[in-house]
Amino acid sequence: MKRTIAALALTTALTFSATAQQYASNEGYRVCAPSATEQGITVAAEQCGTVKAPDFTGLNIGSEGQLQSLMNQRETFRAEVKDYGQCITTLINSYRRPGAPADSLVPDQAACAHSWAEDQSTEVVRQFGKACIDYSNRSVMDADLQDYTGSCYPSAGSGQG
Protein backbone atom coordinates (compact mmCIF):
# COMPACT_ATOMS: atom_id res chain seq x y z
CA MET A 1 0.00 0.00 0.00
CA LYS A 2 2.83 2.38 0.89
CA ARG A 3 4.50 1.60 -2.44
CA THR A 4 1.30 2.38 -4.34
CA ILE A 5 0.90 5.72 -2.57
CA ALA A 6 4.59 6.54 -3.09
CA ALA A 7 4.36 5.64 -6.81
CA LEU A 8 1.22 7.75 -7.20
CA ALA A 9 2.85 10.69 -5.41
CA LEU A 10 5.98 10.38 -7.55
CA THR A 11 3.95 10.21 -10.78
CA THR A 12 1.92 13.25 -9.75
CA ALA A 13 5.05 15.20 -8.80
CA LEU A 14 6.76 14.37 -12.08
CA THR A 15 3.67 15.31 -14.08
CA PHE A 16 3.36 18.67 -12.35
CA SER A 17 7.07 19.44 -12.64
CA ALA A 18 7.06 18.65 -16.38
CA THR A 19 4.00 20.83 -16.85
CA ALA A 20 5.53 23.66 -14.82
CA GLN A 21 8.66 23.63 -16.97
CA GLN A 22 6.60 23.77 -20.14
CA TYR A 23 4.61 26.78 -18.97
CA ALA A 24 7.66 28.52 -17.56
CA SER A 25 9.40 28.35 -20.93
CA ASN A 26 6.43 29.98 -22.65
CA GLU A 27 5.94 32.86 -20.23
CA GLY A 28 6.40 36.21 -21.90
CA TYR A 29 7.49 34.60 -25.15
CA ARG A 30 8.31 37.23 -27.72
CA VAL A 31 10.97 36.77 -30.36
CA CYS A 32 11.79 40.36 -31.26
CA ALA A 33 11.12 43.87 -30.09
CA PRO A 34 9.05 45.96 -32.53
CA SER A 35 12.07 48.09 -33.42
CA ALA A 36 14.14 45.00 -34.24
CA THR A 37 11.28 43.66 -36.35
CA GLU A 38 11.08 46.90 -38.32
CA GLN A 39 14.84 46.84 -38.92
CA GLY A 40 14.60 43.20 -39.95
CA ILE A 41 11.83 43.88 -42.45
CA THR A 42 13.96 46.67 -43.97
CA VAL A 43 17.07 44.46 -44.13
CA ALA A 44 15.15 41.50 -45.59
CA ALA A 45 13.36 43.67 -48.17
CA GLU A 46 16.62 44.25 -50.03
CA GLN A 47 17.05 40.56 -50.84
CA CYS A 48 13.66 38.97 -50.17
CA GLY A 49 11.13 41.66 -50.96
CA THR A 50 8.17 42.24 -48.70
CA VAL A 51 5.00 40.39 -47.82
CA LYS A 52 1.62 42.04 -47.40
CA ALA A 53 -1.09 40.17 -45.58
CA PRO A 54 -4.63 40.23 -46.92
CA ASP A 55 -7.12 41.74 -44.47
CA PHE A 56 -9.89 39.32 -43.60
CA THR A 57 -11.21 41.20 -40.57
CA GLY A 58 -14.93 41.92 -40.53
CA LEU A 59 -15.67 39.88 -43.66
CA ASN A 60 -19.24 39.02 -44.48
CA ILE A 61 -18.88 36.25 -47.03
CA GLY A 62 -21.93 36.06 -49.30
CA SER A 63 -21.33 32.99 -51.43
CA GLU A 64 -19.31 29.82 -51.63
CA GLY A 65 -17.54 31.29 -54.68
CA GLN A 66 -16.43 34.29 -52.65
CA LEU A 67 -15.36 31.93 -49.86
CA GLN A 68 -13.25 29.91 -52.30
CA SER A 69 -11.66 33.08 -53.71
CA LEU A 70 -10.73 34.26 -50.22
CA MET A 71 -9.41 30.80 -49.35
CA ASN A 72 -7.17 31.00 -52.42
CA GLN A 73 -5.89 34.40 -51.22
CA ARG A 74 -5.13 32.87 -47.83
CA GLU A 75 -3.20 29.98 -49.37
CA THR A 76 -1.33 32.30 -51.74
CA PHE A 77 -0.24 34.41 -48.79
CA ARG A 78 0.84 31.36 -46.81
CA ALA A 79 2.95 30.25 -49.78
CA GLU A 80 4.49 33.74 -50.01
CA VAL A 81 5.43 33.56 -46.33
CA LYS A 82 7.00 30.14 -46.86
CA ASP A 83 9.06 31.47 -49.81
CA TYR A 84 9.98 34.57 -47.77
CA GLY A 85 11.21 32.31 -44.96
CA GLN A 86 13.34 30.31 -47.37
CA CYS A 87 14.85 33.51 -48.75
CA ILE A 88 15.60 34.74 -45.24
CA THR A 89 17.28 31.42 -44.45
CA THR A 90 19.48 31.94 -47.49
CA LEU A 91 20.23 35.49 -46.33
CA ILE A 92 21.15 34.31 -42.82
CA ASN A 93 23.31 31.49 -44.19
CA SER A 94 25.19 33.97 -46.36
CA TYR A 95 26.57 35.40 -43.10
CA ARG A 96 27.76 31.95 -41.98
CA ARG A 97 30.75 31.77 -44.28
CA PRO A 98 34.43 32.43 -43.82
CA GLY A 99 35.18 36.10 -44.02
CA ALA A 100 31.66 37.24 -43.15
CA PRO A 101 31.51 39.83 -40.37
CA ALA A 102 30.83 37.98 -37.13
CA ASP A 103 29.40 41.06 -35.45
CA SER A 104 26.77 41.77 -38.11
CA LEU A 105 23.21 42.22 -36.86
CA VAL A 106 21.72 41.24 -40.23
CA PRO A 107 21.10 37.57 -39.38
CA ASP A 108 19.27 38.43 -36.17
CA GLN A 109 17.32 41.22 -37.83
CA ALA A 110 16.36 38.96 -40.74
CA ALA A 111 15.20 36.32 -38.25
CA CYS A 112 12.94 38.96 -36.70
CA ALA A 113 11.44 39.68 -40.12
CA HIS A 114 10.76 35.99 -40.62
CA SER A 115 9.13 35.74 -37.19
CA TRP A 116 6.94 38.73 -38.06
CA ALA A 117 5.91 37.15 -41.38
CA GLU A 118 4.97 33.90 -39.62
CA ASP A 119 2.88 35.90 -37.15
CA GLN A 120 1.13 37.60 -40.08
CA SER A 121 0.40 34.21 -41.63
CA THR A 122 -1.06 32.92 -38.38
CA GLU A 123 -3.27 35.99 -38.05
CA VAL A 124 -4.52 35.62 -41.64
CA VAL A 125 -5.47 32.01 -40.95
CA ARG A 126 -7.34 33.07 -37.80
CA GLN A 127 -9.18 35.92 -39.50
CA PHE A 128 -10.19 33.78 -42.46
CA GLY A 129 -11.23 30.93 -40.17
CA LYS A 130 -13.55 33.19 -38.19
CA ALA A 131 -15.16 34.58 -41.37
CA CYS A 132 -15.48 31.09 -42.84
CA ILE A 133 -17.14 29.69 -39.71
CA ASP A 134 -19.52 32.64 -39.71
CA TYR A 135 -20.43 31.87 -43.34
CA SER A 136 -20.80 28.17 -42.56
CA ASN A 137 -23.15 28.93 -39.66
CA ARG A 138 -25.20 31.34 -41.75
CA SER A 139 -25.37 28.88 -44.65
CA VAL A 140 -27.16 26.39 -42.41
CA MET A 141 -29.81 28.93 -41.46
CA ASP A 142 -30.18 30.89 -44.72
CA ALA A 143 -31.91 29.13 -47.61
CA ASP A 144 -30.33 31.63 -50.04
CA LEU A 145 -26.83 30.37 -49.20
CA GLN A 146 -25.43 27.03 -50.27
CA ASP A 147 -24.61 24.90 -47.21
CA TYR A 148 -20.90 24.91 -46.51
CA THR A 149 -19.53 21.97 -44.56
CA GLY A 150 -15.90 22.21 -45.66
CA SER A 151 -12.89 23.02 -43.55
CA CYS A 152 -12.20 26.61 -42.58
CA TYR A 153 -8.61 25.98 -41.50
CA PRO A 154 -5.67 24.37 -43.29
CA SER A 155 -5.04 20.80 -42.26
CA ALA A 156 -2.13 20.16 -39.95
CA GLY A 157 -0.43 18.02 -42.58
CA SER A 158 -0.68 20.65 -45.31
CA GLY A 159 3.10 21.05 -45.44
CA GLN A 160 2.84 24.75 -44.59
CA GLY A 161 2.54 26.10 -41.20
C-alpha atoms as a PDB file:
ATOM      1  CA  MET A   1       0.000   0.000   0.000  1.00  0.00           C
ATOM      2  CA  LYS A   2       2.826   2.384   0.885  1.00  0.00           C
ATOM      3  CA  ARG A   3       4.496   1.602  -2.440  1.00  0.00           C
ATOM      4  CA  THR A   4       1.303   2.382  -4.337  1.00  0.00           C
ATOM      5  CA  ILE A   5       0.903   5.724  -2.573  1.00  0.00           C
ATOM      6  CA  ALA A   6       4.587   6.539  -3.095  1.00  0.00           C
ATOM      7  CA  ALA A   7       4.358   5.644  -6.806  1.00  0.00           C
ATOM      8  CA  LEU A   8       1.218   7.748  -7.198  1.00  0.00           C
ATOM      9  CA  ALA A   9       2.853  10.687  -5.411  1.00  0.00           C
ATOM     10  CA  LEU A  10       5.978  10.380  -7.553  1.00  0.00           C
ATOM     11  CA  THR A  11       3.954  10.208 -10.777  1.00  0.00           C
ATOM     12  CA  THR A  12       1.921  13.251  -9.751  1.00  0.00           C
ATOM     13  CA  ALA A  13       5.050  15.201  -8.803  1.00  0.00           C
ATOM     14  CA  LEU A  14       6.763  14.365 -12.081  1.00  0.00           C
ATOM     15  CA  THR A  15       3.674  15.310 -14.079  1.00  0.00           C
ATOM     16  CA  PHE A  16       3.361  18.670 -12.353  1.00  0.00           C
ATOM     17  CA  SER A  17       7.074  19.435 -12.642  1.00  0.00           C
ATOM     18  CA  ALA A  18       7.056  18.650 -16.378  1.00  0.00           C
ATOM     19  CA  THR A  19       4.004  20.832 -16.853  1.00  0.00           C
ATOM     20  CA  ALA A  20       5.530  23.656 -14.819  1.00  0.00           C
ATOM     21  CA  GLN A  21       8.658  23.634 -16.967  1.00  0.00           C
ATOM     22  CA  GLN A  22       6.605  23.775 -20.140  1.00  0.00           C
ATOM     23  CA  TYR A  23       4.611  26.777 -18.969  1.00  0.00           C
ATOM     24  CA  ALA A  24       7.655  28.520 -17.561  1.00  0.00           C
ATOM     25  CA  SER A  25       9.399  28.349 -20.929  1.00  0.00           C
ATOM     26  CA  ASN A  26       6.429  29.980 -22.653  1.00  0.00           C
ATOM     27  CA  GLU A  27       5.938  32.858 -20.234  1.00  0.00           C
ATOM     28  CA  GLY A  28       6.405  36.212 -21.900  1.00  0.00           C
ATOM     29  CA  TYR A  29       7.495  34.602 -25.154  1.00  0.00           C
ATOM     30  CA  ARG A  30       8.314  37.231 -27.724  1.00  0.00           C
ATOM     31  CA  VAL A  31      10.968  36.767 -30.357  1.00  0.00           C
ATOM     32  CA  CYS A  32      11.794  40.356 -31.255  1.00  0.00           C
ATOM     33  CA  ALA A  33      11.118  43.867 -30.092  1.00  0.00           C
ATOM     34  CA  PRO A  34       9.047  45.958 -32.530  1.00  0.00           C
ATOM     35  CA  SER A  35      12.070  48.089 -33.417  1.00  0.00           C
ATOM     36  CA  ALA A  36      14.145  44.999 -34.235  1.00  0.00           C
ATOM     37  CA  THR A  37      11.281  43.663 -36.346  1.00  0.00           C
ATOM     38  CA  GLU A  38      11.082  46.904 -38.320  1.00  0.00           C
ATOM     39  CA  GLN A  39      14.843  46.839 -38.916  1.00  0.00           C
ATOM     40  CA  GLY A  40      14.601  43.201 -39.947  1.00  0.00           C
ATOM     41  CA  ILE A  41      11.826  43.884 -42.454  1.00  0.00           C
ATOM     42  CA  THR A  42      13.962  46.666 -43.969  1.00  0.00           C
ATOM     43  CA  VAL A  43      17.068  44.457 -44.130  1.00  0.00           C
ATOM     44  CA  ALA A  44      15.146  41.499 -45.588  1.00  0.00           C
ATOM     45  CA  ALA A  45      13.363  43.668 -48.174  1.00  0.00           C
ATOM     46  CA  GLU A  46      16.625  44.253 -50.026  1.00  0.00           C
ATOM     47  CA  GLN A  47      17.048  40.560 -50.845  1.00  0.00           C
ATOM     48  CA  CYS A  48      13.662  38.972 -50.175  1.00  0.00           C
ATOM     49  CA  GLY A  49      11.127  41.659 -50.957  1.00  0.00           C
ATOM     50  CA  THR A  50       8.166  42.241 -48.696  1.00  0.00           C
ATOM     51  CA  VAL A  51       4.997  40.391 -47.821  1.00  0.00           C
ATOM     52  CA  LYS A  52       1.617  42.042 -47.403  1.00  0.00           C
ATOM     53  CA  ALA A  53      -1.094  40.170 -45.575  1.00  0.00           C
ATOM     54  CA  PRO A  54      -4.634  40.226 -46.915  1.00  0.00           C
ATOM     55  CA  ASP A  55      -7.122  41.740 -44.470  1.00  0.00           C
ATOM     56  CA  PHE A  56      -9.893  39.319 -43.597  1.00  0.00           C
ATOM     57  CA  THR A  57     -11.215  41.204 -40.570  1.00  0.00           C
ATOM     58  CA  GLY A  58     -14.933  41.918 -40.533  1.00  0.00           C
ATOM     59  CA  LEU A  59     -15.669  39.877 -43.656  1.00  0.00           C
ATOM     60  CA  ASN A  60     -19.245  39.025 -44.476  1.00  0.00           C
ATOM     61  CA  ILE A  61     -18.880  36.247 -47.026  1.00  0.00           C
ATOM     62  CA  GLY A  62     -21.928  36.061 -49.298  1.00  0.00           C
ATOM     63  CA  SER A  63     -21.330  32.991 -51.433  1.00  0.00           C
ATOM     64  CA  GLU A  64     -19.310  29.823 -51.632  1.00  0.00           C
ATOM     65  CA  GLY A  65     -17.540  31.290 -54.680  1.00  0.00           C
ATOM     66  CA  GLN A  66     -16.425  34.286 -52.647  1.00  0.00           C
ATOM     67  CA  LEU A  67     -15.360  31.926 -49.862  1.00  0.00           C
ATOM     68  CA  GLN A  68     -13.248  29.911 -52.303  1.00  0.00           C
ATOM     69  CA  SER A  69     -11.661  33.077 -53.714  1.00  0.00           C
ATOM     70  CA  LEU A  70     -10.729  34.257 -50.219  1.00  0.00           C
ATOM     71  CA  MET A  71      -9.414  30.797 -49.353  1.00  0.00           C
ATOM     72  CA  ASN A  72      -7.170  31.000 -52.419  1.00  0.00           C
ATOM     73  CA  GLN A  73      -5.887  34.397 -51.215  1.00  0.00           C
ATOM     74  CA  ARG A  74      -5.130  32.866 -47.830  1.00  0.00           C
ATOM     75  CA  GLU A  75      -3.198  29.985 -49.372  1.00  0.00           C
ATOM     76  CA  THR A  76      -1.329  32.300 -51.741  1.00  0.00           C
ATOM     77  CA  PHE A  77      -0.235  34.412 -48.792  1.00  0.00           C
ATOM     78  CA  ARG A  78       0.842  31.356 -46.808  1.00  0.00           C
ATOM     79  CA  ALA A  79       2.955  30.246 -49.785  1.00  0.00           C
ATOM     80  CA  GLU A  80       4.495  33.745 -50.008  1.00  0.00           C
ATOM     81  CA  VAL A  81       5.429  33.559 -46.327  1.00  0.00           C
ATOM     82  CA  LYS A  82       6.998  30.139 -46.861  1.00  0.00           C
ATOM     83  CA  ASP A  83       9.062  31.474 -49.805  1.00  0.00           C
ATOM     84  CA  TYR A  84       9.979  34.569 -47.773  1.00  0.00           C
ATOM     85  CA  GLY A  85      11.211  32.314 -44.960  1.00  0.00           C
ATOM     86  CA  GLN A  86      13.341  30.306 -47.365  1.00  0.00           C
ATOM     87  CA  CYS A  87      14.848  33.506 -48.749  1.00  0.00           C
ATOM     88  CA  ILE A  88      15.597  34.737 -45.241  1.00  0.00           C
ATOM     89  CA  THR A  89      17.276  31.422 -44.446  1.00  0.00           C
ATOM     90  CA  THR A  90      19.482  31.944 -47.488  1.00  0.00           C
ATOM     91  CA  LEU A  91      20.228  35.494 -46.325  1.00  0.00           C
ATOM     92  CA  ILE A  92      21.151  34.308 -42.824  1.00  0.00           C
ATOM     93  CA  ASN A  93      23.306  31.488 -44.193  1.00  0.00           C
ATOM     94  CA  SER A  94      25.195  33.974 -46.364  1.00  0.00           C
ATOM     95  CA  TYR A  95      26.574  35.396 -43.102  1.00  0.00           C
ATOM     96  CA  ARG A  96      27.762  31.954 -41.981  1.00  0.00           C
ATOM     97  CA  ARG A  97      30.752  31.769 -44.276  1.00  0.00           C
ATOM     98  CA  PRO A  98      34.425  32.425 -43.819  1.00  0.00           C
ATOM     99  CA  GLY A  99      35.176  36.103 -44.022  1.00  0.00           C
ATOM    100  CA  ALA A 100      31.659  37.237 -43.151  1.00  0.00           C
ATOM    101  CA  PRO A 101      31.511  39.827 -40.370  1.00  0.00           C
ATOM    102  CA  ALA A 102      30.833  37.978 -37.130  1.00  0.00           C
ATOM    103  CA  ASP A 103      29.403  41.060 -35.452  1.00  0.00           C
ATOM    104  CA  SER A 104      26.768  41.769 -38.109  1.00  0.00           C
ATOM    105  CA  LEU A 105      23.211  42.219 -36.856  1.00  0.00           C
ATOM    106  CA  VAL A 106      21.722  41.244 -40.235  1.00  0.00           C
ATOM    107  CA  PRO A 107      21.100  37.566 -39.380  1.00  0.00           C
ATOM    108  CA  ASP A 108      19.270  38.431 -36.168  1.00  0.00           C
ATOM    109  CA  GLN A 109      17.316  41.217 -37.831  1.00  0.00           C
ATOM    110  CA  ALA A 110      16.361  38.956 -40.736  1.00  0.00           C
ATOM    111  CA  ALA A 111      15.198  36.320 -38.254  1.00  0.00           C
ATOM    112  CA  CYS A 112      12.940  38.965 -36.705  1.00  0.00           C
ATOM    113  CA  ALA A 113      11.445  39.680 -40.123  1.00  0.00           C
ATOM    114  CA  HIS A 114      10.762  35.986 -40.615  1.00  0.00           C
ATOM    115  CA  SER A 115       9.133  35.741 -37.194  1.00  0.00           C
ATOM    116  CA  TRP A 116       6.935  38.729 -38.062  1.00  0.00           C
ATOM    117  CA  ALA A 117       5.910  37.145 -41.382  1.00  0.00           C
ATOM    118  CA  GLU A 118       4.966  33.901 -39.625  1.00  0.00           C
ATOM    119  CA  ASP A 119       2.876  35.901 -37.147  1.00  0.00           C
ATOM    120  CA  GLN A 120       1.130  37.596 -40.085  1.00  0.00           C
ATOM    121  CA  SER A 121       0.404  34.209 -41.633  1.00  0.00           C
ATOM    122  CA  THR A 122      -1.059  32.924 -38.379  1.00  0.00           C
ATOM    123  CA  GLU A 123      -3.270  35.988 -38.053  1.00  0.00           C
ATOM    124  CA  VAL A 124      -4.524  35.624 -41.638  1.00  0.00           C
ATOM    125  CA  VAL A 125      -5.468  32.007 -40.953  1.00  0.00           C
ATOM    126  CA  ARG A 126      -7.337  33.075 -37.796  1.00  0.00           C
ATOM    127  CA  GLN A 127      -9.184  35.922 -39.498  1.00  0.00           C
ATOM    128  CA  PHE A 128     -10.192  33.784 -42.464  1.00  0.00           C
ATOM    129  CA  GLY A 129     -11.234  30.930 -40.169  1.00  0.00           C
ATOM    130  CA  LYS A 130     -13.554  33.193 -38.195  1.00  0.00           C
ATOM    131  CA  ALA A 131     -15.160  34.579 -41.366  1.00  0.00           C
ATOM    132  CA  CYS A 132     -15.481  31.094 -42.838  1.00  0.00           C
ATOM    133  CA  ILE A 133     -17.136  29.685 -39.709  1.00  0.00           C
ATOM    134  CA  ASP A 134     -19.522  32.642 -39.708  1.00  0.00           C
ATOM    135  CA  TYR A 135     -20.431  31.875 -43.337  1.00  0.00           C
ATOM    136  CA  SER A 136     -20.797  28.168 -42.558  1.00  0.00           C
ATOM    137  CA  ASN A 137     -23.151  28.928 -39.656  1.00  0.00           C
ATOM    138  CA  ARG A 138     -25.200  31.343 -41.752  1.00  0.00           C
ATOM    139  CA  SER A 139     -25.369  28.884 -44.649  1.00  0.00           C
ATOM    140  CA  VAL A 140     -27.157  26.386 -42.414  1.00  0.00           C
ATOM    141  CA  MET A 141     -29.811  28.933 -41.459  1.00  0.00           C
ATOM    142  CA  ASP A 142     -30.181  30.891 -44.717  1.00  0.00           C
ATOM    143  CA  ALA A 143     -31.907  29.133 -47.610  1.00  0.00           C
ATOM    144  CA  ASP A 144     -30.333  31.629 -50.045  1.00  0.00           C
ATOM    145  CA  LEU A 145     -26.834  30.368 -49.196  1.00  0.00           C
ATOM    146  CA  GLN A 146     -25.434  27.026 -50.274  1.00  0.00           C
ATOM    147  CA  ASP A 147     -24.605  24.897 -47.211  1.00  0.00           C
ATOM    148  CA  TYR A 148     -20.899  24.912 -46.507  1.00  0.00           C
ATOM    149  CA  THR A 149     -19.529  21.974 -44.562  1.00  0.00           C
ATOM    150  CA  GLY A 150     -15.904  22.210 -45.662  1.00  0.00           C
ATOM    151  CA  SER A 151     -12.894  23.020 -43.552  1.00  0.00           C
ATOM    152  CA  CYS A 152     -12.199  26.608 -42.581  1.00  0.00           C
ATOM    153  CA  TYR A 153      -8.609  25.981 -41.501  1.00  0.00           C
ATOM    154  CA  PRO A 154      -5.671  24.370 -43.288  1.00  0.00           C
ATOM    155  CA  SER A 155      -5.036  20.799 -42.257  1.00  0.00           C
ATOM    156  CA  ALA A 156      -2.126  20.160 -39.951  1.00  0.00           C
ATOM    157  CA  GLY A 157      -0.434  18.018 -42.575  1.00  0.00           C
ATOM    158  CA  SER A 158      -0.683  20.652 -45.310  1.00  0.00           C
ATOM    159  CA  GLY A 159       3.098  21.047 -45.443  1.00  0.00           C
ATOM    160  CA  GLN A 160       2.840  24.746 -44.590  1.00  0.00           C
ATOM    161  CA  GLY A 161       2.538  26.098 -41.198  1.00  0.00           C
END
